[in-house]
Amino acid sequence: MTGLHKARLSETQMSNSAVTLLAEALGVDPKVVDENVSIRQTSAWDSLAHFRIVLALEERLGRKLTPIEVVSVRDFQSVSNLIQACEI
């Protein structure tokens, strides 16, 4: 397995982690979670769901999110980026 393949596998795993985390926090089927999920585009992403997402991220990362991180959690990419930054 090449280094590039390992990196892609890692990205896929990170994406799967974000999908699972968001699906559970939003109470939706993982099949409907994709790169387009966001606080503005997803009706299930209300203030309570946002709180559940933050709590799930804190549990996953093993630390509290900073206030800036809490407000930056706005879409699939931001969740994925937080997971990836802490897994590297």
PDB file of N, CA and C in Angstrom:
ATOM      1  N   MET A   1       0.854  -1.171   0.000  1.00  0.00           N
ATOM      2  CA  MET A   1       0.000   0.000   0.000  1.00  0.00           C
ATOM      3  C   MET A   1       0.901   1.235   0.000  1.00  0.00           C
ATOM      4  N   THR A   2       0.655   2.117  -0.924  1.00  0.00           N
ATOM      5  CA  THR A   2       1.479   3.320  -1.035  1.00  0.00           C
ATOM      6  C   THR A   2       1.042   4.351  -0.011  1.00  0.00           C
ATOM      7  N   GLY A   3       1.912   5.335   0.206  1.00  0.00           N
ATOM      8  CA  GLY A   3       1.585   6.415   1.134  1.00  0.00           C
ATOM      9  C   GLY A   3       0.363   7.187   0.686  1.00  0.00           C
ATOM     10  N   LEU A   4       0.226   7.386  -0.625  1.00  0.00           N
ATOM     11  CA  LEU A   4      -0.921   8.108  -1.166  1.00  0.00           C
ATOM     12  C   LEU A   4      -2.206   7.332  -0.896  1.00  0.00           C
ATOM     13  N   HIS A   5      -2.163   6.016  -1.074  1.00  0.00           N
ATOM     14  CA  HIS A   5      -3.340   5.198  -0.818  1.00  0.00           C
ATOM     15  C   HIS A   5      -3.718   5.262   0.662  1.00  0.00           C
ATOM     16  N   LYS A   6      -2.733   5.237   1.540  1.00  0.00           N
ATOM     17  CA  LYS A   6      -3.007   5.337   2.969  1.00  0.00           C
ATOM     18  C   LYS A   6      -3.669   6.670   3.287  1.00  0.00           C
ATOM     19  N   ALA A   7      -3.203   7.753   2.657  1.00  0.00           N
ATOM     20  CA  ALA A   7      -3.784   9.067   2.894  1.00  0.00           C
ATOM     21  C   ALA A   7      -5.237   9.100   2.439  1.00  0.00           C
ATOM     22  N   ARG A   8      -5.524   8.524   1.289  1.00  0.00           N
ATOM     23  CA  ARG A   8      -6.908   8.478   0.801  1.00  0.00           C
ATOM     24  C   ARG A   8      -7.785   7.651   1.719  1.00  0.00           C
ATOM     25  N   LEU A   9      -7.263   6.531   2.181  1.00  0.00           N
ATOM     26  CA  LEU A   9      -8.012   5.689   3.096  1.00  0.00           C
ATOM     27  C   LEU A   9      -8.314   6.466   4.367  1.00  0.00           C
ATOM     28  N   SER A  10      -7.344   7.205   4.833  1.00  0.00           N
ATOM     29  CA  SER A  10      -7.523   8.005   6.028  1.00  0.00           C
ATOM     30  C   SER A  10      -8.595   9.068   5.810  1.00  0.00           C
ATOM     31  N   GLU A  11      -8.588   9.719   4.655  1.00  0.00           N
ATOM     32  CA  GLU A  11      -9.621  10.718   4.342  1.00  0.00           C
ATOM     33  C   GLU A  11     -10.998  10.069   4.316  1.00  0.00           C
ATOM     34  N   THR A  12     -11.084   8.888   3.747  1.00  0.00           N
ATOM     35  CA  THR A  12     -12.355   8.171   3.695  1.00  0.00           C
ATOM     36  C   THR A  12     -12.829   7.832   5.100  1.00  0.00           C
ATOM     37  N   GLN A  13     -11.920   7.377   5.937  1.00  0.00           N
ATOM     38  CA  GLN A  13     -12.283   7.062   7.314  1.00  0.00           C
ATOM     39  C   GLN A  13     -12.756   8.304   8.057  1.00  0.00           C
ATOM     40  N   MET A  14     -12.077   9.443   7.833  1.00  0.00           N
ATOM     41  CA  MET A  14     -12.471  10.686   8.474  1.00  0.00           C
ATOM     42  C   MET A  14     -13.866  11.100   8.000  1.00  0.00           C
ATOM     43  N   SER A  15     -14.117  10.954   6.701  1.00  0.00           N
ATOM     44  CA  SER A  15     -15.412  11.292   6.144  1.00  0.00           C
ATOM     45  C   SER A  15     -16.496  10.405   6.745  1.00  0.00           C
ATOM     46  N   ASN A  16     -16.210   9.105   6.868  1.00  0.00           N
ATOM     47  CA  ASN A  16     -17.166   8.181   7.473  1.00  0.00           C
ATOM     48  C   ASN A  16     -17.436   8.547   8.925  1.00  0.00           C
ATOM     49  N   SER A  17     -16.402   8.987   9.643  1.00  0.00           N
ATOM     50  CA  SER A  17     -16.581   9.409  11.030  1.00  0.00           C
ATOM     51  C   SER A  17     -17.506  10.620  11.106  1.00  0.00           C
ATOM     52  N   ALA A  18     -17.319  11.566  10.198  1.00  0.00           N
ATOM     53  CA  ALA A  18     -18.162  12.765  10.168  1.00  0.00           C
ATOM     54  C   ALA A  18     -19.600  12.391   9.823  1.00  0.00           C
ATOM     55  N   VAL A  19     -19.786  11.496   8.879  1.00  0.00           N
ATOM     56  CA  VAL A  19     -21.131  11.050   8.495  1.00  0.00           C
ATOM     57  C   VAL A  19     -21.827  10.415   9.695  1.00  0.00           C
ATOM     58  N   THR A  20     -21.143   9.500  10.363  1.00  0.00           N
ATOM     59  CA  THR A  20     -21.723   8.802  11.511  1.00  0.00           C
ATOM     60  C   THR A  20     -22.064   9.781  12.627  1.00  0.00           C
ATOM     61  N   LEU A  21     -21.126  10.657  12.945  1.00  0.00           N
ATOM     62  CA  LEU A  21     -21.343  11.635  14.015  1.00  0.00           C
ATOM     63  C   LEU A  21     -22.536  12.531  13.703  1.00  0.00           C
ATOM     64  N   LEU A  22     -22.580  13.071  12.493  1.00  0.00           N
ATOM     65  CA  LEU A  22     -23.678  13.959  12.119  1.00  0.00           C
ATOM     66  C   LEU A  22     -25.016  13.230  12.063  1.00  0.00           C
ATOM     67  N   ALA A  23     -25.034  12.032  11.512  1.00  0.00           N
ATOM     68  CA  ALA A  23     -26.286  11.274  11.425  1.00  0.00           C
ATOM     69  C   ALA A  23     -26.858  11.012  12.815  1.00  0.00           C
ATOM     70  N   GLU A  24     -26.000  10.600  13.740  1.00  0.00           N
ATOM     71  CA  GLU A  24     -26.472  10.326  15.100  1.00  0.00           C
ATOM     72  C   GLU A  24     -26.949  11.601  15.787  1.00  0.00           C
ATOM     73  N   ALA A  25     -26.189  12.679  15.663  1.00  0.00           N
ATOM     74  CA  ALA A  25     -26.548  13.928  16.334  1.00  0.00           C
ATOM     75  C   ALA A  25     -27.807  14.559  15.732  1.00  0.00           C
ATOM     76  N   LEU A  26     -27.988  14.416  14.421  1.00  0.00           N
ATOM     77  CA  LEU A  26     -29.147  15.001  13.748  1.00  0.00           C
ATOM     78  C   LEU A  26     -30.363  14.076  13.772  1.00  0.00           C
ATOM     79  N   GLY A  27     -30.132  12.818  14.144  1.00  0.00           N
ATOM     80  CA  GLY A  27     -31.234  11.859  14.174  1.00  0.00           C
ATOM     81  C   GLY A  27     -31.742  11.499  12.794  1.00  0.00           C
ATOM     82  N   VAL A  28     -30.802  11.390  11.837  1.00  0.00           N
ATOM     83  CA  VAL A  28     -31.174  11.054  10.458  1.00  0.00           C
ATOM     84  C   VAL A  28     -30.408   9.815  10.003  1.00  0.00           C
ATOM     85  N   ASP A  29     -30.871   9.237   8.921  1.00  0.00           N
ATOM     86  CA  ASP A  29     -30.205   8.088   8.322  1.00  0.00           C
ATOM     87  C   ASP A  29     -28.856   8.534   7.757  1.00  0.00           C
ATOM     88  N   PRO A  30     -27.788   7.782   8.022  1.00  0.00           N
ATOM     89  CA  PRO A  30     -26.473   8.151   7.486  1.00  0.00           C
ATOM     90  C   PRO A  30     -26.460   8.313   5.965  1.00  0.00           C
ATOM     91  N   LYS A  31     -27.386   7.664   5.273  1.00  0.00           N
ATOM     92  CA  LYS A  31     -27.442   7.759   3.812  1.00  0.00           C
ATOM     93  C   LYS A  31     -27.788   9.162   3.323  1.00  0.00           C
ATOM     94  N   VAL A  32     -28.411   9.970   4.175  1.00  0.00           N
ATOM     95  CA  VAL A  32     -28.776  11.326   3.756  1.00  0.00           C
ATOM     96  C   VAL A  32     -27.714  12.359   4.135  1.00  0.00           C
ATOM     97  N   VAL A  33     -26.675  11.915   4.837  1.00  0.00           N
ATOM     98  CA  VAL A  33     -25.600  12.833   5.228  1.00  0.00           C
ATOM     99  C   VAL A  33     -24.521  12.817   4.156  1.00  0.00           C
ATOM    100  N   ASP A  34     -24.283  13.987   3.571  1.00  0.00           N
ATOM    101  CA  ASP A  34     -23.226  14.124   2.571  1.00  0.00           C
ATOM    102  C   ASP A  34     -22.553  15.476   2.740  1.00  0.00           C
ATOM    103  N   GLU A  35     -21.739  15.857   1.782  1.00  0.00           N
ATOM    104  CA  GLU A  35     -20.984  17.108   1.868  1.00  0.00           C
ATOM    105  C   GLU A  35     -21.865  18.351   1.867  1.00  0.00           C
ATOM    106  N   ASN A  36     -23.150  18.198   1.545  1.00  0.00           N
ATOM    107  CA  ASN A  36     -24.059  19.340   1.486  1.00  0.00           C
ATOM    108  C   ASN A  36     -24.793  19.613   2.796  1.00  0.00           C
ATOM    109  N   VAL A  37     -24.595  18.760   3.791  1.00  0.00           N
ATOM    110  CA  VAL A  37     -25.260  18.964   5.078  1.00  0.00           C
ATOM    111  C   VAL A  37     -24.681  20.210   5.742  1.00  0.00           C
ATOM    112  N   SER A  38     -25.581  21.105   6.130  1.00  0.00           N
ATOM    113  CA  SER A  38     -25.132  22.331   6.797  1.00  0.00           C
ATOM    114  C   SER A  38     -26.244  22.867   7.686  1.00  0.00           C
ATOM    115  N   ILE A  39     -25.861  23.789   8.539  1.00  0.00           N
ATOM    116  CA  ILE A  39     -26.826  24.394   9.450  1.00  0.00           C
ATOM    117  C   ILE A  39     -27.912  25.151   8.677  1.00  0.00           C
ATOM    118  N   ARG A  40     -27.581  25.654   7.497  1.00  0.00           N
ATOM    119  CA  ARG A  40     -28.545  26.412   6.692  1.00  0.00           C
ATOM    120  C   ARG A  40     -29.389  25.531   5.771  1.00  0.00           C
ATOM    121  N   GLN A  41     -28.868  24.382   5.373  1.00  0.00           N
ATOM    122  CA  GLN A  41     -29.541  23.541   4.380  1.00  0.00           C
ATOM    123  C   GLN A  41     -30.259  22.328   4.967  1.00  0.00           C
ATOM    124  N   THR A  42     -30.072  22.061   6.249  1.00  0.00           N
ATOM    125  CA  THR A  42     -30.600  20.836   6.840  1.00  0.00           C
ATOM    126  C   THR A  42     -31.597  21.175   7.938  1.00  0.00           C
ATOM    127  N   SER A  43     -32.859  20.846   7.710  1.00  0.00           N
ATOM    128  CA  SER A  43     -33.904  21.218   8.667  1.00  0.00           C
ATOM    129  C   SER A  43     -33.705  20.554  10.026  1.00  0.00           C
ATOM    130  N   ALA A  44     -33.097  19.386  10.063  1.00  0.00           N
ATOM    131  CA  ALA A  44     -32.872  18.690  11.330  1.00  0.00           C
ATOM    132  C   ALA A  44     -31.777  19.360  12.168  1.00  0.00           C
ATOM    133  N   TRP A  45     -30.998  20.268  11.559  1.00  0.00           N
ATOM    134  CA  TRP A  45     -29.894  20.930  12.260  1.00  0.00           C
ATOM    135  C   TRP A  45     -30.425  22.204  12.921  1.00  0.00           C
ATOM    136  N   ASP A  46     -31.063  22.015  14.058  1.00  0.00           N
ATOM    137  CA  ASP A  46     -31.544  23.147  14.836  1.00  0.00           C
ATOM    138  C   ASP A  46     -30.594  23.386  16.007  1.00  0.00           C
ATOM    139  N   SER A  47     -30.962  24.246  16.940  1.00  0.00           N
ATOM    140  CA  SER A  47     -30.052  24.583  18.045  1.00  0.00           C
ATOM    141  C   SER A  47     -29.768  23.384  18.935  1.00  0.00           C
ATOM    142  N   LEU A  48     -30.754  22.540  19.157  1.00  0.00           N
ATOM    143  CA  LEU A  48     -30.532  21.348  19.973  1.00  0.00           C
ATOM    144  C   LEU A  48     -29.613  20.362  19.250  1.00  0.00           C
ATOM    145  N   ALA A  49     -29.808  20.200  17.959  1.00  0.00           N
ATOM    146  CA  ALA A  49     -28.932  19.318  17.175  1.00  0.00           C
ATOM    147  C   ALA A  49     -27.503  19.852  17.178  1.00  0.00           C
ATOM    148  N   HIS A  50     -27.364  21.181  17.109  1.00  0.00           N
ATOM    149  CA  HIS A  50     -26.024  21.775  17.143  1.00  0.00           C
ATOM    150  C   HIS A  50     -25.332  21.426  18.464  1.00  0.00           C
ATOM    151  N   PHE A  51     -26.069  21.505  19.549  1.00  0.00           N
ATOM    152  CA  PHE A  51     -25.536  21.146  20.858  1.00  0.00           C
ATOM    153  C   PHE A  51     -25.104  19.679  20.865  1.00  0.00           C
ATOM    154  N   ARG A  52     -25.934  18.797  20.289  1.00  0.00           N
ATOM    155  CA  ARG A  52     -25.582  17.366  20.231  1.00  0.00           C
ATOM    156  C   ARG A  52     -24.337  17.140  19.376  1.00  0.00           C
ATOM    157  N   ILE A  53     -24.197  17.894  18.283  1.00  0.00           N
ATOM    158  CA  ILE A  53     -23.011  17.772  17.429  1.00  0.00           C
ATOM    159  C   ILE A  53     -21.765  18.192  18.203  1.00  0.00           C
ATOM    160  N   VAL A  54     -21.856  19.308  18.905  1.00  0.00           N
ATOM    161  CA  VAL A  54     -20.711  19.782  19.705  1.00  0.00           C
ATOM    162  C   VAL A  54     -20.335  18.750  20.763  1.00  0.00           C
ATOM    163  N   LEU A  55     -21.318  18.225  21.472  1.00  0.00           N
ATOM    164  CA  LEU A  55     -21.039  17.211  22.491  1.00  0.00           C
ATOM    165  C   LEU A  55     -20.415  15.955  21.882  1.00  0.00           C
ATOM    166  N   ALA A  56     -20.929  15.533  20.740  1.00  0.00           N
ATOM    167  CA  ALA A  56     -20.376  14.349  20.074  1.00  0.00           C
ATOM    168  C   ALA A  56     -18.935  14.590  19.629  1.00  0.00           C
ATOM    169  N   LEU A  57     -18.662  15.787  19.127  1.00  0.00           N
ATOM    170  CA  LEU A  57     -17.285  16.127  18.731  1.00  0.00           C
ATOM    171  C   LEU A  57     -16.362  16.126  19.947  1.00  0.00           C
ATOM    172  N   GLU A  58     -16.817  16.711  21.051  1.00  0.00           N
ATOM    173  CA  GLU A  58     -15.993  16.742  22.258  1.00  0.00           C
ATOM    174  C   GLU A  58     -15.706  15.333  22.765  1.00  0.00           C
ATOM    175  N   GLU A  59     -16.702  14.481  22.699  1.00  0.00           N
ATOM    176  CA  GLU A  59     -16.491  13.091  23.113  1.00  0.00           C
ATOM    177  C   GLU A  59     -15.507  12.393  22.177  1.00  0.00           C
ATOM    178  N   ARG A  60     -15.685  12.586  20.892  1.00  0.00           N
ATOM    179  CA  ARG A  60     -14.825  11.961  19.885  1.00  0.00           C
ATOM    180  C   ARG A  60     -13.373  12.450  20.019  1.00  0.00           C
ATOM    181  N   LEU A  61     -13.206  13.746  20.256  1.00  0.00           N
ATOM    182  CA  LEU A  61     -11.872  14.333  20.303  1.00  0.00           C
ATOM    183  C   LEU A  61     -11.225  14.231  21.675  1.00  0.00           C
ATOM    184  N   GLY A  62     -12.027  13.947  22.694  1.00  0.00           N
ATOM    185  CA  GLY A  62     -11.489  13.804  24.043  1.00  0.00           C
ATOM    186  C   GLY A  62     -11.111  15.127  24.687  1.00  0.00           C
ATOM    187  N   ARG A  63     -11.761  16.191  24.253  1.00  0.00           N
ATOM    188  CA  ARG A  63     -11.485  17.512  24.818  1.00  0.00           C
ATOM    189  C   ARG A  63     -12.663  18.434  24.549  1.00  0.00           C
ATOM    190  N   LYS A  64     -12.701  19.539  25.281  1.00  0.00           N
ATOM    191  CA  LYS A  64     -13.722  20.559  25.044  1.00  0.00           C
ATOM    192  C   LYS A  64     -13.362  21.350  23.787  1.00  0.00           C
ATOM    193  N   LEU A  65     -14.371  21.732  23.039  1.00  0.00           N
ATOM    194  CA  LEU A  65     -14.144  22.625  21.908  1.00  0.00           C
ATOM    195  C   LEU A  65     -13.996  24.048  22.426  1.00  0.00           C
ATOM    196  N   THR A  66     -13.186  24.821  21.755  1.00  0.00           N
ATOM    197  CA  THR A  66     -13.063  26.233  22.097  1.00  0.00           C
ATOM    198  C   THR A  66     -14.324  26.951  21.624  1.00  0.00           C
ATOM    199  N   PRO A  67     -14.611  28.123  22.172  1.00  0.00           N
ATOM    200  CA  PRO A  67     -15.787  28.873  21.695  1.00  0.00           C
ATOM    201  C   PRO A  67     -15.737  29.132  20.180  1.00  0.00           C
ATOM    202  N   ILE A  68     -14.562  29.410  19.662  1.00  0.00           N
ATOM    203  CA  ILE A  68     -14.431  29.640  18.217  1.00  0.00           C
ATOM    204  C   ILE A  68     -14.765  28.364  17.441  1.00  0.00           C
ATOM    205  N   GLU A  69     -14.315  27.213  17.940  1.00  0.00           N
ATOM    206  CA  GLU A  69     -14.636  25.947  17.270  1.00  0.00           C
ATOM    207  C   GLU A  69     -16.137  25.680  17.316  1.00  0.00           C
ATOM    208  N   VAL A  70     -16.769  25.974  18.446  1.00  0.00           N
ATOM    209  CA  VAL A  70     -18.217  25.736  18.576  1.00  0.00           C
ATOM    210  C   VAL A  70     -18.987  26.503  17.510  1.00  0.00           C
ATOM    211  N   VAL A  71     -18.656  27.764  17.315  1.00  0.00           N
ATOM    212  CA  VAL A  71     -19.393  28.552  16.317  1.00  0.00           C
ATOM    213  C   VAL A  71     -18.945  28.248  14.894  1.00  0.00           C
ATOM    214  N   SER A  72     -17.777  27.625  14.731  1.00  0.00           N
ATOM    215  CA  SER A  72     -17.313  27.283  13.378  1.00  0.00           C
ATOM    216  C   SER A  72     -17.928  25.988  12.855  1.00  0.00           C
ATOM    217  N   VAL A  73     -18.568  25.229  13.734  1.00  0.00           N
ATOM    218  CA  VAL A  73     -19.234  23.990  13.313  1.00  0.00           C
ATOM    219  C   VAL A  73     -20.520  24.389  12.605  1.00  0.00           C
ATOM    220  N   ARG A  74     -20.457  24.438  11.274  1.00  0.00           N
ATOM    221  CA  ARG A  74     -21.584  24.930  10.483  1.00  0.00           C
ATOM    222  C   ARG A  74     -22.002  23.982   9.368  1.00  0.00           C
ATOM    223  N   ASP A  75     -21.143  22.994   9.062  1.00  0.00           N
ATOM    224  CA  ASP A  75     -21.444  22.115   7.933  1.00  0.00           C
ATOM    225  C   ASP A  75     -20.598  20.843   8.004  1.00  0.00           C
ATOM    226  N   PHE A  76     -20.833  19.971   7.046  1.00  0.00           N
ATOM    227  CA  PHE A  76     -20.123  18.690   6.993  1.00  0.00           C
ATOM    228  C   PHE A  76     -18.612  18.904   6.991  1.00  0.00           C
ATOM    229  N   GLN A  77     -18.141  19.833   6.164  1.00  0.00           N
ATOM    230  CA  GLN A  77     -16.704  20.050   6.029  1.00  0.00           C
ATOM    231  C   GLN A  77     -16.070  20.509   7.335  1.00  0.00           C
ATOM    232  N   SER A  78     -16.728  21.382   8.072  1.00  0.00           N
ATOM    233  CA  SER A  78     -16.153  21.864   9.329  1.00  0.00           C
ATOM    234  C   SER A  78     -16.067  20.743  10.363  1.00  0.00           C
ATOM    235  N   VAL A  79     -17.055  19.862  10.395  1.00  0.00           N
ATOM    236  CA  VAL A  79     -17.015  18.710  11.296  1.00  0.00           C
ATOM    237  C   VAL A  79     -15.884  17.776  10.885  1.00  0.00           C
ATOM    238  N   SER A  80     -15.810  17.482   9.609  1.00  0.00           N
ATOM    239  CA  SER A  80     -14.750  16.612   9.087  1.00  0.00           C
ATOM    240  C   SER A  80     -13.367  17.192   9.372  1.00  0.00           C
ATOM    241  N   ASN A  81     -13.211  18.500   9.181  1.00  0.00           N
ATOM    242  CA  ASN A  81     -11.920  19.155   9.422  1.00  0.00           C
ATOM    243  C   ASN A  81     -11.501  19.067  10.881  1.00  0.00           C
ATOM    244  N   LEU A  82     -12.449  19.257  11.801  1.00  0.00           N
ATOM    245  CA  LEU A  82     -12.121  19.140  13.226  1.00  0.00           C
ATOM    246  C   LEU A  82     -11.681  17.727  13.574  1.00  0.00           C
ATOM    247  N   ILE A  83     -12.388  16.748  13.058  1.00  0.00           N
ATOM    248  CA  ILE A  83     -12.010  15.354  13.324  1.00  0.00           C
ATOM    249  C   ILE A  83     -10.624  15.086  12.750  1.00  0.00           C
ATOM    250  N   GLN A  84     -10.395  15.499  11.527  1.00  0.00           N
ATOM    251  CA  GLN A  84      -9.118  15.247  10.859  1.00  0.00           C
ATOM    252  C   GLN A  84      -7.967  15.946  11.582  1.00  0.00           C
ATOM    253  N   ALA A  85      -8.165  17.185  12.004  1.00  0.00           N
ATOM    254  CA  ALA A  85      -7.098  17.943  12.674  1.00  0.00           C
ATOM    255  C   ALA A  85      -6.662  17.268  13.966  1.00  0.00           C
ATOM    256  N   CYS A  86      -7.585  16.638  14.646  1.00  0.00           N
ATOM    257  CA  CYS A  86      -7.257  16.009  15.921  1.00  0.00           C
ATOM    258  C   CYS A  86      -6.774  14.573  15.770  1.00  0.00           C
ATOM    259  N   GLU A  87      -6.981  13.987  14.612  1.00  0.00           N
ATOM    260  CA  GLU A  87      -6.560  12.607  14.379  1.00  0.00           C
ATOM    261  C   GLU A  87      -5.161  12.523  13.808  1.00  0.00           C
ATOM    262  N   ILE A  88      -4.625  13.647  13.317  1.00  0.00           N
ATOM    263  CA  ILE A  88      -3.310  13.626  12.674  1.00  0.00           C
ATOM    264  C   ILE A  88      -2.227  13.606  13.731  1.00  0.00           C
TER     265      ILE A  88
END
